[in-house]
Protein backbone atom coordinates (compact mmCIF):
# COMPACT_ATOMS: atom_id res chain seq x y z
CA MET A 1 25.84 30.79 90.76
CA GLN A 2 26.82 28.11 87.80
CA MET A 3 24.53 26.18 89.44
CA GLU A 4 21.95 28.79 89.26
CA LYS A 5 22.45 30.00 85.68
CA VAL A 6 21.53 26.20 85.23
CA THR A 7 18.45 25.79 87.29
CA SER A 8 17.19 29.55 85.54
CA TRP A 9 16.31 27.35 82.08
CA GLY A 10 13.69 25.36 84.14
CA ARG A 11 12.64 21.64 83.78
CA TYR A 12 10.51 23.05 80.79
CA GLY A 13 13.63 24.70 78.86
CA TRP A 14 15.38 21.69 79.28
CA MET A 15 12.04 19.27 77.39
CA GLY A 16 12.56 22.25 74.77
CA LEU A 17 15.59 21.25 73.98
CA VAL A 18 15.26 17.65 73.81
CA LEU A 19 11.92 18.13 71.46
CA LEU A 20 14.00 20.29 69.13
CA SER A 21 16.81 17.50 68.80
CA LEU A 22 14.13 14.67 68.11
CA ALA A 23 12.85 17.16 65.52
CA ALA A 24 15.98 17.54 63.74
CA CYS A 25 16.55 14.05 63.97
CA GLY A 26 13.36 13.76 61.44
CA GLY A 27 11.34 12.24 64.14
CA GLY A 28 8.02 14.84 63.36
CA ALA A 29 5.70 14.43 61.02
CA GLY A 30 6.45 11.28 58.00
CA SER A 31 9.33 9.56 60.22
CA GLU A 32 8.19 5.70 60.64
CA HIS A 33 5.82 4.49 62.80
CA LYS A 34 7.22 3.81 66.33
CA THR A 35 6.32 1.26 68.73
CA GLY A 36 8.06 -0.02 72.05
CA SER A 37 10.40 -2.40 69.65
CA GLY A 38 11.48 0.18 67.18
CA THR A 39 10.52 1.20 63.77
CA THR A 40 7.83 -1.57 61.22
CA PRO A 41 10.14 -2.43 58.35
CA PRO A 42 8.40 -1.88 55.05
CA ALA A 43 5.80 -4.46 53.80
CA PRO A 44 7.32 -6.61 50.83
CA ALA A 45 6.11 -6.57 47.40
CA VAL A 46 5.63 -9.24 44.66
CA VAL A 47 8.07 -7.91 41.29
CA VAL A 48 8.71 -9.95 39.40
CA VAL A 49 6.33 -13.95 38.54
CA SER A 50 6.46 -16.77 36.38
CA PRO A 51 5.29 -17.23 34.25
CA ALA A 52 3.68 -13.82 33.76
CA ASP A 53 0.50 -12.96 34.16
CA GLY A 54 -1.59 -13.53 31.39
CA SER A 55 0.49 -16.31 29.41
CA THR A 56 -0.81 -18.63 27.14
CA ASP A 57 1.02 -21.77 25.75
CA VAL A 58 2.11 -22.46 29.27
CA PRO A 59 4.38 -25.93 29.18
CA GLY A 60 2.05 -28.60 32.12
CA ASN A 61 5.65 -28.97 33.66
CA LYS A 62 6.71 -25.48 34.36
CA ILE A 63 7.53 -24.24 37.62
CA VAL A 64 5.67 -21.44 38.99
CA THR A 65 7.74 -18.30 41.37
CA ALA A 66 7.31 -15.21 42.38
CA THR A 67 10.04 -12.92 43.54
CA LEU A 68 9.77 -10.04 45.70
CA ASP A 69 11.90 -7.19 46.38
CA LYS A 70 13.07 -8.42 50.32
CA ALA A 71 14.94 -11.85 51.45
CA ILE A 72 11.80 -13.91 52.30
CA ASP A 73 11.37 -15.62 55.60
CA CYS A 74 11.06 -19.20 54.37
CA SER A 75 9.07 -20.28 57.12
CA THR A 76 6.45 -18.66 56.30
CA ALA A 77 6.27 -20.32 52.72
CA THR A 78 3.68 -22.76 53.47
CA ALA A 79 1.35 -24.91 50.67
CA GLY A 80 -1.51 -22.12 51.85
CA ALA A 81 0.73 -19.23 51.08
CA PHE A 82 1.60 -19.51 47.58
CA GLN A 83 -0.99 -21.52 45.87
CA LEU A 84 -1.99 -22.48 42.30
CA LEU A 85 -6.07 -22.31 41.87
CA HIS A 86 -7.75 -24.36 38.70
CA GLY A 87 -11.58 -23.51 39.07
CA GLY A 88 -11.38 -22.25 42.36
CA ASN A 89 -9.29 -25.62 43.71
CA PRO A 90 -5.94 -25.55 44.86
CA VAL A 91 -3.27 -27.44 42.71
CA ALA A 92 -1.37 -29.39 44.53
CA GLY A 93 2.28 -28.84 44.41
CA GLU A 94 5.84 -28.46 46.49
CA VAL A 95 6.39 -24.65 47.73
CA ALA A 96 9.97 -23.60 48.08
CA CYS A 97 11.73 -20.75 49.22
CA ALA A 98 15.95 -19.48 48.53
CA GLY A 99 16.71 -15.83 48.97
CA ASN A 100 13.89 -13.55 47.86
CA THR A 101 12.16 -16.01 45.40
CA LEU A 102 9.56 -18.26 46.00
CA THR A 103 8.80 -21.72 43.60
CA LEU A 104 5.77 -23.84 42.99
CA THR A 105 6.39 -27.53 41.49
CA PRO A 106 3.21 -28.69 40.69
CA ALA A 107 2.70 -32.53 41.40
CA GLU A 108 1.63 -33.62 37.95
CA PRO A 109 2.59 -31.60 35.25
CA LEU A 110 -0.31 -29.21 34.58
CA ALA A 111 -2.76 -30.70 32.09
CA PRO A 112 -3.82 -28.93 28.54
CA GLU A 113 -5.54 -25.64 28.17
CA MET A 114 -5.82 -25.19 32.02
CA ALA A 115 -6.71 -21.92 33.08
CA ILE A 116 -4.44 -21.58 36.19
CA GLU A 117 -4.91 -18.65 38.95
CA ALA A 118 -1.48 -18.29 41.11
CA ARG A 119 -1.56 -16.55 44.55
CA VAL A 120 0.91 -15.27 47.14
CA THR A 121 -0.65 -14.60 49.63
CA THR A 122 -0.37 -11.69 52.90
CA ALA A 123 1.07 -15.07 54.87
CA ILE A 124 4.48 -14.25 53.35
CA GLN A 125 6.65 -12.66 55.26
CA SER A 126 10.30 -11.13 55.13
CA THR A 127 12.98 -11.71 57.00
CA ASP A 128 12.79 -8.40 59.10
CA GLY A 129 8.77 -9.82 60.19
CA ALA A 130 6.97 -8.05 57.73
CA ALA A 131 4.34 -9.27 55.93
CA LEU A 132 2.78 -8.69 52.30
CA ALA A 133 0.07 -5.46 52.07
CA ALA A 134 -2.61 -7.79 50.04
CA ASP A 135 -2.67 -11.30 48.17
CA TYR A 136 -0.76 -10.66 44.94
CA VAL A 137 -2.77 -12.74 42.19
CA TRP A 138 -2.17 -13.62 38.66
CA SER A 139 -2.87 -15.65 35.76
CA PHE A 140 -1.99 -18.35 32.86
CA THR A 141 -3.34 -20.45 30.41
CA THR A 142 -1.38 -24.21 29.81
CA VAL A 143 -0.33 -25.02 26.10
CA GLY A 144 -3.77 -26.01 23.78
CA ARG A 145 -4.28 -29.56 22.76
CA THR A 146 -3.49 -30.84 19.22
CA TRP A 147 -4.48 -33.82 16.60
CA GLY A 148 -2.12 -36.01 15.74
CA SER A 149 -2.08 -38.52 12.98
CA ALA A 150 -4.67 -40.49 11.57
CA GLN A 151 -3.97 -44.23 12.44
CA ARG A 152 -5.48 -47.63 10.83
CA LEU A 153 -6.44 -49.99 13.37
CA GLU A 154 -6.99 -52.90 11.40
CA LEU A 155 -5.53 -53.96 8.78
CA ALA A 156 -8.03 -57.26 7.43
CA ALA A 157 -9.13 -56.90 3.68
CA GLY A 158 -12.81 -57.30 4.70
CA GLU A 159 -15.17 -53.90 5.29
CA ALA A 160 -14.89 -52.69 8.59
CA TRP A 161 -17.71 -50.27 9.53
CA ASN A 162 -19.62 -48.55 12.46
CA PRO A 163 -17.06 -47.73 15.13
CA VAL A 164 -17.68 -46.83 18.51
CA ALA A 165 -14.74 -45.91 21.58
CA ALA A 166 -14.53 -45.42 25.33
CA ALA A 167 -11.85 -44.38 27.44
CA ASP A 168 -11.32 -45.63 31.19
CA THR A 169 -9.26 -43.34 33.84
CA ALA A 170 -5.84 -44.25 33.48
CA GLY A 171 -6.41 -42.72 29.73
CA ASN A 172 -6.23 -45.91 28.02
CA VAL A 173 -9.26 -46.04 25.14
CA MET A 174 -11.16 -49.35 23.75
CA ALA A 175 -12.56 -49.21 19.90
CA VAL A 176 -14.94 -51.74 19.19
CA TRP A 177 -15.88 -52.20 15.47
CA ARG A 178 -17.89 -54.71 13.17
CA GLN A 179 -16.65 -55.74 9.64
CA LYS A 180 -16.31 -59.15 7.19
CA VAL A 181 -13.14 -61.02 7.35
CA GLY A 182 -11.83 -62.73 4.04
CA THR A 183 -14.63 -64.54 2.51
CA ASN A 184 -17.21 -64.40 4.81
CA THR A 185 -20.37 -62.62 4.36
CA ASN A 186 -21.16 -62.01 7.85
CA TYR A 187 -19.83 -59.05 10.43
CA SER A 188 -17.49 -59.87 13.43
CA ALA A 189 -17.21 -57.63 16.41
CA PHE A 190 -13.32 -56.75 16.80
CA ALA A 191 -12.08 -54.45 18.96
CA ASN A 192 -8.56 -52.70 19.56
CA ARG A 193 -7.06 -51.14 22.81
CA TYR A 194 -5.20 -47.86 23.35
CA THR A 195 -2.32 -47.45 25.83
CA ALA A 196 -0.36 -44.17 26.35
CA GLU A 197 2.76 -46.93 26.77
CA GLY A 198 2.40 -48.74 23.50
CA GLY A 199 -0.25 -46.84 21.61
CA TRP A 200 -2.69 -49.34 19.74
CA GLY A 201 -2.54 -52.83 19.99
CA GLU A 202 -3.57 -55.51 17.34
CA PRO A 203 -6.77 -56.01 16.94
CA ALA A 204 -9.21 -59.04 18.64
CA LEU A 205 -11.93 -60.33 17.58
CA LEU A 206 -14.93 -60.38 20.18
CA SER A 207 -17.72 -62.29 18.64
CA THR A 208 -18.33 -66.18 18.27
CA PRO A 209 -17.92 -67.44 14.45
CA GLY A 210 -20.78 -67.55 12.42
CA GLY A 211 -22.44 -64.59 13.80
CA ASP A 212 -23.46 -61.81 12.12
CA VAL A 213 -23.12 -58.71 13.94
CA LEU A 214 -25.20 -55.74 13.78
CA GLU A 215 -24.46 -52.87 16.14
CA SER A 216 -22.51 -52.91 18.68
CA VAL A 217 -21.30 -50.20 21.43
CA VAL A 218 -18.64 -50.30 24.57
CA ALA A 219 -18.01 -48.68 27.64
CA THR A 220 -15.00 -48.79 30.59
CA ALA A 221 -15.25 -49.13 34.47
CA PRO A 222 -13.24 -46.80 36.85
CA ASP A 223 -10.77 -49.83 36.98
CA GLY A 224 -10.13 -50.02 33.53
CA ASP A 225 -12.39 -53.14 32.66
CA VAL A 226 -14.64 -52.80 29.37
CA ILE A 227 -17.69 -54.12 28.50
CA ALA A 228 -18.43 -54.65 24.63
CA VAL A 229 -22.20 -55.24 23.98
CA TRP A 230 -23.57 -55.82 20.53
CA SER A 231 -26.81 -57.13 18.54
CA GLU A 232 -27.03 -59.97 16.03
CA TYR A 233 -28.73 -60.06 12.74
CA ASP A 234 -30.66 -63.20 14.72
CA ASN A 235 -32.42 -61.28 17.64
CA SER A 236 -30.03 -61.62 20.09
CA VAL A 237 -27.88 -59.36 22.51
CA TRP A 238 -24.51 -60.47 22.76
CA PHE A 239 -21.23 -58.98 25.39
CA ASN A 240 -17.89 -59.29 26.18
CA ARG A 241 -15.64 -58.20 29.06
CA TYR A 242 -12.46 -56.88 28.88
CA VAL A 243 -10.68 -57.19 32.25
CA ALA A 244 -7.99 -55.11 32.97
CA ALA A 245 -6.02 -57.23 35.54
CA ASN A 246 -4.54 -60.11 32.70
CA ASP A 247 -5.27 -57.88 29.98
CA THR A 248 -7.75 -60.48 28.86
CA TRP A 249 -10.92 -60.71 27.27
CA SER A 250 -13.06 -63.14 29.19
CA GLY A 251 -15.03 -64.86 25.72
CA PRO A 252 -18.12 -64.00 23.92
CA GLN A 253 -21.60 -64.88 25.65
CA ALA A 254 -25.07 -64.29 24.64
CA ILE A 255 -27.32 -62.05 27.11
CA VAL A 256 -30.46 -62.06 25.89
CA THR A 257 -32.00 -64.56 22.72
CA GLY A 258 -35.06 -64.86 20.62
CA GLU A 259 -36.10 -61.42 21.06
CA ALA A 260 -39.44 -60.74 19.04
CA SER A 261 -38.50 -58.13 16.96
CA THR A 262 -35.31 -56.67 15.15
CA LEU A 263 -33.07 -54.97 17.41
CA LYS A 264 -31.81 -51.45 17.13
CA ASN A 265 -29.89 -48.23 17.96
CA ILE A 266 -28.79 -50.43 21.30
CA GLN A 267 -27.02 -48.40 24.24
CA LEU A 268 -24.65 -49.06 27.01
CA ARG A 269 -23.39 -47.06 30.39
CA ILE A 270 -21.69 -48.11 33.05
CA ASP A 271 -21.18 -46.38 36.75
CA ASP A 272 -18.39 -46.15 38.77
CA GLU A 273 -19.15 -49.44 40.42
CA GLY A 274 -18.06 -50.76 37.35
CA ASN A 275 -22.67 -51.75 36.52
CA ALA A 276 -23.48 -51.64 33.41
CA LEU A 277 -26.91 -50.78 31.87
CA ALA A 278 -28.19 -52.06 27.98
CA VAL A 279 -31.64 -50.58 26.26
CA TRP A 280 -32.46 -51.01 22.88
CA HIS A 281 -35.17 -50.88 20.79
CA GLY A 282 -37.05 -53.69 19.08
CA TRP A 283 -38.61 -52.04 15.78
CA ALA A 284 -40.07 -54.59 13.86
CA SER A 285 -43.41 -56.49 15.58
CA THR A 286 -43.38 -55.50 18.95
CA ASN A 287 -41.91 -51.82 18.38
CA GLU A 288 -40.72 -51.75 22.52
CA ILE A 289 -38.16 -50.81 24.43
CA ARG A 290 -36.25 -53.06 26.30
CA ALA A 291 -33.74 -53.22 28.95
CA ILE A 292 -30.64 -55.15 31.29
CA ARG A 293 -28.73 -54.77 33.78
CA TYR A 294 -25.00 -56.18 33.87
CA VAL A 295 -23.86 -56.32 38.22
CA LYS A 296 -20.32 -56.22 38.48
CA ALA A 297 -20.61 -58.23 42.37
CA ASP A 298 -21.74 -61.07 40.69
CA ASP A 299 -20.01 -60.48 37.43
CA ALA A 300 -23.26 -61.42 35.94
CA TRP A 301 -26.70 -60.01 33.54
CA GLU A 302 -30.24 -60.39 34.76
CA ALA A 303 -31.62 -63.50 33.69
CA SER A 304 -34.08 -61.73 31.34
CA ALA A 305 -34.49 -57.85 29.93
CA GLN A 306 -37.67 -55.83 30.82
CA THR A 307 -39.95 -53.64 28.97
CA LEU A 308 -40.32 -50.20 29.71
CA ARG A 309 -42.28 -48.97 26.98
CA ASN A 310 -45.08 -50.54 24.10
CA GLY A 311 -45.23 -48.34 21.44
CA GLU A 312 -44.89 -45.80 18.01
CA ILE A 313 -41.07 -45.41 19.35
CA ASP A 314 -38.14 -44.16 17.64
CA ASP A 315 -34.76 -41.73 18.41
CA LEU A 316 -33.89 -43.65 21.62
CA GLN A 317 -31.23 -42.37 23.61
CA LEU A 318 -29.29 -43.28 27.40
CA ALA A 319 -27.67 -41.49 30.11
CA MET A 320 -26.32 -42.47 33.23
CA ALA A 321 -25.07 -40.45 36.43
CA ALA A 322 -21.75 -41.80 37.91
CA ASN A 323 -23.94 -43.15 40.69
CA GLY A 324 -25.53 -45.67 38.74
CA ASP A 325 -29.18 -43.51 37.88
CA ALA A 326 -30.42 -43.12 34.67
CA MET A 327 -32.52 -42.29 32.07
CA VAL A 328 -34.34 -43.16 28.70
CA THR A 329 -35.56 -41.32 26.85
CA TRP A 330 -37.77 -41.46 22.90
CA THR A 331 -40.11 -40.29 20.85
CA GLU A 332 -44.09 -41.58 20.94
CA TYR A 333 -46.98 -41.43 18.57
CA ASN A 334 -50.03 -40.71 20.54
CA GLY A 335 -52.58 -40.84 17.97
CA THR A 336 -51.85 -37.36 16.71
CA VAL A 337 -48.61 -36.24 17.27
CA ASP A 338 -45.13 -37.48 18.08
CA ASP A 339 -44.16 -36.66 22.10
CA VAL A 340 -40.93 -37.01 24.05
CA VAL A 341 -40.99 -39.12 26.83
CA VAL A 342 -38.56 -39.59 29.29
CA ARG A 343 -38.14 -42.53 31.83
CA ARG A 344 -35.61 -42.53 34.49
CA TYR A 345 -33.85 -45.06 36.92
CA ASP A 346 -33.51 -45.32 40.80
CA SER A 347 -30.42 -47.23 41.72
CA SER A 348 -30.82 -46.86 44.86
CA SER A 349 -34.47 -48.51 44.61
CA ASP A 350 -33.50 -50.56 41.50
CA ALA A 351 -36.64 -48.91 39.78
CA TRP A 352 -38.20 -47.47 36.94
CA GLY A 353 -39.90 -44.00 37.32
CA ASN A 354 -43.44 -43.20 35.48
CA PRO A 355 -42.86 -41.49 32.21
CA SER A 356 -42.79 -37.99 31.51
CA VAL A 357 -43.86 -36.60 28.38
CA PHE A 358 -43.05 -33.84 26.86
CA ASN A 359 -44.36 -31.67 24.11
CA ALA A 360 -43.75 -27.55 23.53
CA SER A 361 -47.12 -27.07 21.27
CA PRO A 362 -49.19 -30.08 21.64
CA ASP A 363 -50.42 -30.14 17.60
CA SER A 364 -46.90 -30.33 16.79
CA TYR A 365 -44.45 -33.25 16.73
CA THR A 366 -41.34 -33.95 18.66
CA GLU A 367 -38.11 -35.22 17.39
CA ALA A 368 -34.87 -36.79 18.33
CA PRO A 369 -35.00 -35.67 21.34
CA ALA A 370 -30.96 -36.20 23.03
CA ILE A 371 -30.57 -36.54 27.07
CA ALA A 372 -27.85 -35.86 29.41
CA MET A 373 -26.78 -36.70 33.31
CA ASP A 374 -24.22 -34.70 35.50
CA VAL A 375 -22.44 -36.68 37.83
CA ALA A 376 -24.58 -36.10 41.10
CA GLY A 377 -27.88 -36.98 38.68
CA ASN A 378 -29.49 -34.11 37.11
CA GLY A 379 -30.58 -34.19 33.46
CA MET A 380 -30.88 -31.96 30.77
CA LEU A 381 -33.58 -33.08 27.88
CA VAL A 382 -33.00 -30.98 24.34
CA TRP A 383 -35.56 -31.96 21.35
CA ILE A 384 -36.83 -30.38 18.24
CA GLN A 385 -40.02 -28.93 17.53
CA ASP A 386 -41.60 -28.60 14.41
CA THR A 387 -43.60 -25.52 13.84
CA TYR A 388 -46.01 -25.27 10.99
CA ASP A 389 -47.19 -21.48 9.59
CA SER A 390 -50.79 -22.28 7.99
CA VAL A 391 -50.77 -18.66 6.09
CA THR A 392 -47.27 -18.86 4.42
CA HIS A 393 -47.11 -22.96 4.75
CA ALA A 394 -43.81 -22.95 6.12
CA LEU A 395 -42.41 -25.73 7.81
CA THR A 396 -39.19 -24.41 10.70
CA TYR A 397 -37.46 -26.34 13.25
CA ARG A 398 -36.37 -25.51 16.92
CA LEU A 399 -34.69 -26.67 19.87
CA TRP A 400 -36.13 -26.72 23.35
CA SER A 401 -35.11 -28.08 26.56
CA THR A 402 -35.93 -28.89 30.18
CA ARG A 403 -33.77 -29.73 33.51
CA TYR A 404 -34.49 -32.11 36.11
CA ASP A 405 -33.19 -31.32 40.00
CA VAL A 406 -32.30 -34.89 41.14
CA ALA A 407 -33.17 -32.56 44.38
CA VAL A 408 -36.66 -31.70 43.72
CA ASP A 409 -37.25 -35.15 41.47
CA ASP A 410 -39.12 -32.70 39.24
CA TRP A 411 -38.23 -31.11 35.59
CA SER A 412 -38.28 -27.86 34.73
CA VAL A 413 -40.90 -25.72 32.71
CA ALA A 414 -39.85 -26.44 28.65
CA GLU A 415 -37.76 -23.35 27.10
CA PRO A 416 -36.80 -22.62 23.26
CA VAL A 417 -32.91 -22.56 22.50
CA GLY A 418 -31.89 -20.43 19.99
CA SER A 419 -34.73 -19.19 17.58
CA PRO A 420 -36.52 -21.28 14.40
CA VAL A 421 -34.56 -22.18 11.48
CA ILE A 422 -35.22 -24.28 8.24
CA ASP A 423 -33.79 -27.36 9.27
CA LEU A 424 -32.48 -29.02 12.04
CA TYR A 425 -31.71 -33.03 12.65
CA ARG A 426 -30.19 -34.88 15.74
CA PRO A 427 -28.84 -33.03 18.36
CA GLN A 428 -26.48 -34.58 20.63
CA LEU A 429 -25.59 -32.95 24.03
CA VAL A 430 -23.32 -33.16 27.08
CA LEU A 431 -23.25 -31.65 30.57
CA ASP A 432 -19.80 -30.78 32.44
CA GLY A 433 -19.47 -30.61 36.06
CA SER A 434 -20.21 -27.40 36.38
CA GLY A 435 -23.64 -27.79 35.16
CA ASN A 436 -23.04 -26.04 31.83
CA ALA A 437 -24.39 -27.82 29.04
CA THR A 438 -23.68 -27.49 25.55
CA VAL A 439 -25.95 -29.13 21.75
CA VAL A 440 -25.17 -29.13 19.07
CA THR A 441 -27.15 -30.48 15.89
CA ASP A 442 -26.83 -30.83 12.03
CA GLY A 443 -28.92 -27.83 10.64
CA ALA A 444 -29.95 -25.50 8.14
CA TYR A 445 -29.18 -21.63 10.09
CA GLY A 446 -29.08 -19.25 7.39
CA ASP A 447 -31.49 -19.19 4.14
CA THR A 448 -30.39 -21.66 2.08
CA TRP A 449 -30.40 -25.66 2.78
CA THR A 450 -26.90 -26.11 3.14
CA ALA A 451 -26.11 -28.56 6.46
CA ASP A 452 -24.17 -26.87 8.75
CA VAL A 453 -23.18 -27.84 12.48
CA GLY A 454 -24.40 -25.31 15.04
CA ALA A 455 -23.53 -25.03 18.57
CA TRP A 456 -25.29 -23.61 22.01
CA ARG A 457 -24.16 -23.24 25.09
CA TYR A 458 -25.92 -22.98 28.39
CA LEU A 459 -24.49 -22.01 31.52
CA ALA A 460 -25.50 -22.79 34.45
CA ALA A 461 -24.55 -19.15 36.65
CA THR A 462 -27.14 -17.20 33.89
CA GLY A 463 -29.66 -19.95 33.71
CA GLU A 464 -29.31 -18.62 30.00
CA TRP A 465 -28.81 -20.27 26.35
CA SER A 466 -26.33 -18.10 23.96
CA THR A 467 -27.31 -17.93 20.41
CA VAL A 468 -26.14 -20.49 17.77
CA THR A 469 -22.64 -20.33 16.95
CA VAL A 470 -21.28 -22.23 13.20
CA LEU A 471 -18.75 -24.85 13.75
CA ASP A 472 -17.86 -26.14 10.58
CA SER A 473 -15.31 -25.29 7.72
CA GLY A 474 -18.08 -23.96 4.96
CA VAL A 475 -16.66 -25.76 2.48
CA GLY A 476 -19.62 -28.11 1.96
CA SER A 477 -22.32 -29.94 3.93
CA ALA A 478 -22.00 -31.37 7.28
CA TYR A 479 -23.36 -34.23 8.95
CA ASP A 480 -23.66 -36.47 12.12
CA ALA A 481 -22.27 -34.39 14.89
CA LYS A 482 -20.66 -36.17 17.86
CA LEU A 483 -19.48 -33.97 21.10
CA VAL A 484 -17.87 -34.54 24.65
CA ALA A 485 -16.85 -32.67 27.11
CA ASP A 486 -13.64 -32.95 29.50
CA ALA A 487 -13.57 -32.90 33.47
CA HIS A 488 -12.45 -29.13 33.00
CA GLY A 489 -15.49 -28.42 30.93
CA ASN A 490 -13.97 -28.33 27.56
CA VAL A 491 -15.93 -29.52 24.59
CA THR A 492 -14.70 -31.37 21.28
CA VAL A 493 -16.94 -31.65 18.60
CA VAL A 494 -16.35 -34.07 15.60
CA TRP A 495 -18.70 -34.35 12.21
CA TYR A 496 -17.69 -35.35 8.43
CA GLN A 497 -17.85 -32.87 5.74
CA ASN A 498 -17.61 -32.23 2.10
CA GLU A 499 -14.07 -30.95 0.90
CA GLY A 500 -13.79 -31.13 -2.61
CA GLY A 501 -15.92 -33.71 -3.56
CA VAL A 502 -14.64 -36.58 -0.62
CA ASP A 503 -16.33 -36.43 2.85
CA ARG A 504 -13.70 -35.70 5.53
CA ILE A 505 -13.55 -35.57 9.57
CA PHE A 506 -13.68 -31.84 10.52
CA ALA A 507 -13.67 -31.46 14.50
CA ASN A 508 -13.62 -28.40 16.90
CA ARG A 509 -13.02 -27.27 20.08
CA PHE A 510 -14.76 -25.10 23.21
CA VAL A 511 -12.09 -24.18 25.24
CA VAL A 512 -12.96 -22.97 28.69
CA ALA A 513 -9.73 -20.68 29.31
CA GLN A 514 -10.41 -19.13 26.04
CA GLU A 515 -14.07 -18.77 26.92
CA SER A 516 -14.79 -19.51 22.88
CA TRP A 517 -14.77 -21.70 19.95
CA SER A 518 -11.64 -22.77 17.87
CA THR A 519 -11.21 -23.09 14.67
CA ALA A 520 -12.51 -25.80 12.59
CA GLN A 521 -10.00 -28.43 11.07
CA ARG A 522 -9.28 -31.58 8.90
CA ILE A 523 -8.24 -34.72 11.38
CA SER A 524 -9.05 -37.59 8.90
CA GLU A 525 -5.65 -38.63 6.48
CA VAL A 526 -6.79 -37.34 3.00
CA VAL A 527 -5.68 -40.77 1.22
CA SER A 528 -6.43 -39.86 -1.60
CA GLU A 529 -7.48 -36.37 -3.67
CA THR A 530 -10.91 -38.28 -5.43
CA GLY A 531 -11.51 -40.88 -2.93
CA GLY A 532 -10.87 -42.14 0.43
CA GLY A 533 -14.65 -40.62 1.82
CA ALA A 534 -14.68 -40.64 5.64
CA PHE A 535 -17.87 -40.90 8.04
CA GLY A 536 -19.61 -42.13 10.77
CA PRO A 537 -17.13 -40.20 13.80
CA ARG A 538 -17.55 -41.13 16.88
CA LEU A 539 -15.83 -39.93 20.38
CA ALA A 540 -14.31 -40.81 23.39
CA VAL A 541 -12.88 -38.42 26.54
CA ALA A 542 -10.57 -39.68 29.11
CA PRO A 543 -9.91 -37.85 32.86
CA ASP A 544 -6.95 -35.90 31.66
CA GLY A 545 -9.22 -34.38 28.64
CA SER A 546 -7.15 -36.70 25.89
CA VAL A 547 -9.45 -37.28 23.23
CA THR A 548 -9.79 -40.31 20.60
CA ALA A 549 -12.07 -39.84 17.59
CA VAL A 550 -12.83 -43.52 15.59
CA TRP A 551 -14.55 -43.07 12.21
CA THR A 552 -14.69 -45.46 8.69
CA GLN A 553 -13.42 -44.33 5.64
CA TYR A 554 -12.63 -45.88 2.47
CA ASP A 555 -9.61 -46.68 0.29
CA GLY A 556 -8.04 -44.48 -1.90
CA ASN A 557 -9.55 -45.28 -4.77
CA PRO A 558 -12.62 -43.73 -6.12
CA GLY A 559 -15.61 -45.66 -5.84
CA ALA A 560 -14.13 -48.25 -3.77
CA THR A 561 -15.86 -50.61 -1.38
CA VAL A 562 -13.35 -51.54 0.62
CA THR A 563 -13.93 -49.50 3.98
CA SER A 564 -11.10 -49.42 7.16
CA ILE A 565 -11.08 -48.10 11.02
CA TRP A 566 -9.33 -45.35 11.61
CA ALA A 567 -8.95 -43.50 14.66
CA GLY A 568 -7.43 -40.08 15.58
CA ARG A 569 -5.80 -38.34 19.06
CA LEU A 570 -6.13 -35.15 20.83
CA GLU A 571 -2.98 -34.59 23.19
């Protein structure tokens, strides 16, 4: 009979009892997902990161960490699972894991002013097999660069003028200038080298005794070799080569002698193979542009220089790409007005192309072209175009630009940069690795003739130019702006400006991570409150982003005629 009672529940009665029991244990709605192997664990989450999101001035040797709320399966902590990115590119480093914390130690200290994105991906799992639900991303910026104290590069009593500088891939810098020594009334070429290990060294004489140096230029090859080229008053061009492997100069040698005209505006560039191109303007009787190449494999210059152009020429500028392609630009009188002319050198065929002529208005003058090339061989050209208003009789000036696309071997339609102003002078141009451009000029950007340094930025992503940004301190007229861009696109500009009756060297920076210009600062030493005027700044930038400025500066006595060469470092 007992068996009959149990059986009377029936098969479905017992099943209902089981279901009720499950519901009482939490097996209904809202319970954890069930699989054949059991409950799926919750996804881990990042709870603490260092540096914190949005941090600035982060030291370059900072170890980056991310802490999760669960213990990590360290076999999933790979380089691809925890990354640092700069400009979308991975930063080399070593990933480690302990407990619930990931660490990433960069292979080398991060450079200053780098915008870094840190990313923990869904490849990271906890020890119970659960993965992050989504990538965790945050960002920070490394510490900014600062200018150190300026340093005098030579101690001779004679006048020193016109310094230039170039940096190699290791960050070493060579400065070159011309100087009178003792009672010698002629100028000699000198050089001084900066190394990260030892700082500035001792000046070295580059030119021959008895020579008389007019202008000098310098460029460095990726292997650290340096070529210095200078013109002399006897219409000759000379060079000296620094060999990094044995830390010596090879000795002065003439490249060309007996040129028909007085030489000016000599220019020099070196490609990634160590080949060099020198150009200059013979401006007296022949008024021509001349060029000659140095071939690294032969350790020799070409047998003779070639003439690129004859005519009423001025404002010579040279640019070169990493592969040795080059562009030369100048202004040339066409019988009515001055045009801008460009010729391109193709390193693969060792040939110069035909001239390209630019003028935004055929009845107005062009002035002061500036040219730059990127690593791929694309180029940009800017120049000043004047406009005369026949009604108001006002003369205004405006920048114009055009871009060269190496893929189609052609220039774009010229376009204006900014608005017309009452004065512009000496534009300078750089292109960064992303195709962005910066141009700076001395000019009068308001209603008065006070000279300021203005800057425009071209963004490749939008194809548009910004409005002008005045970079100087506003304390007095500013002149002779020069600029460089580092491998990350940060731009440094220097100029000289009157401060309290004395010219000083000032600088300003565009920092990509901040997307803005900084504040102008004086970088030259105040050797006297009433003297020690500084002028003629020039720049060199190394691949690590460090910048060297060199300039000429009078001694501290008012009315002094003795000048020295000084340098400042941005690190």
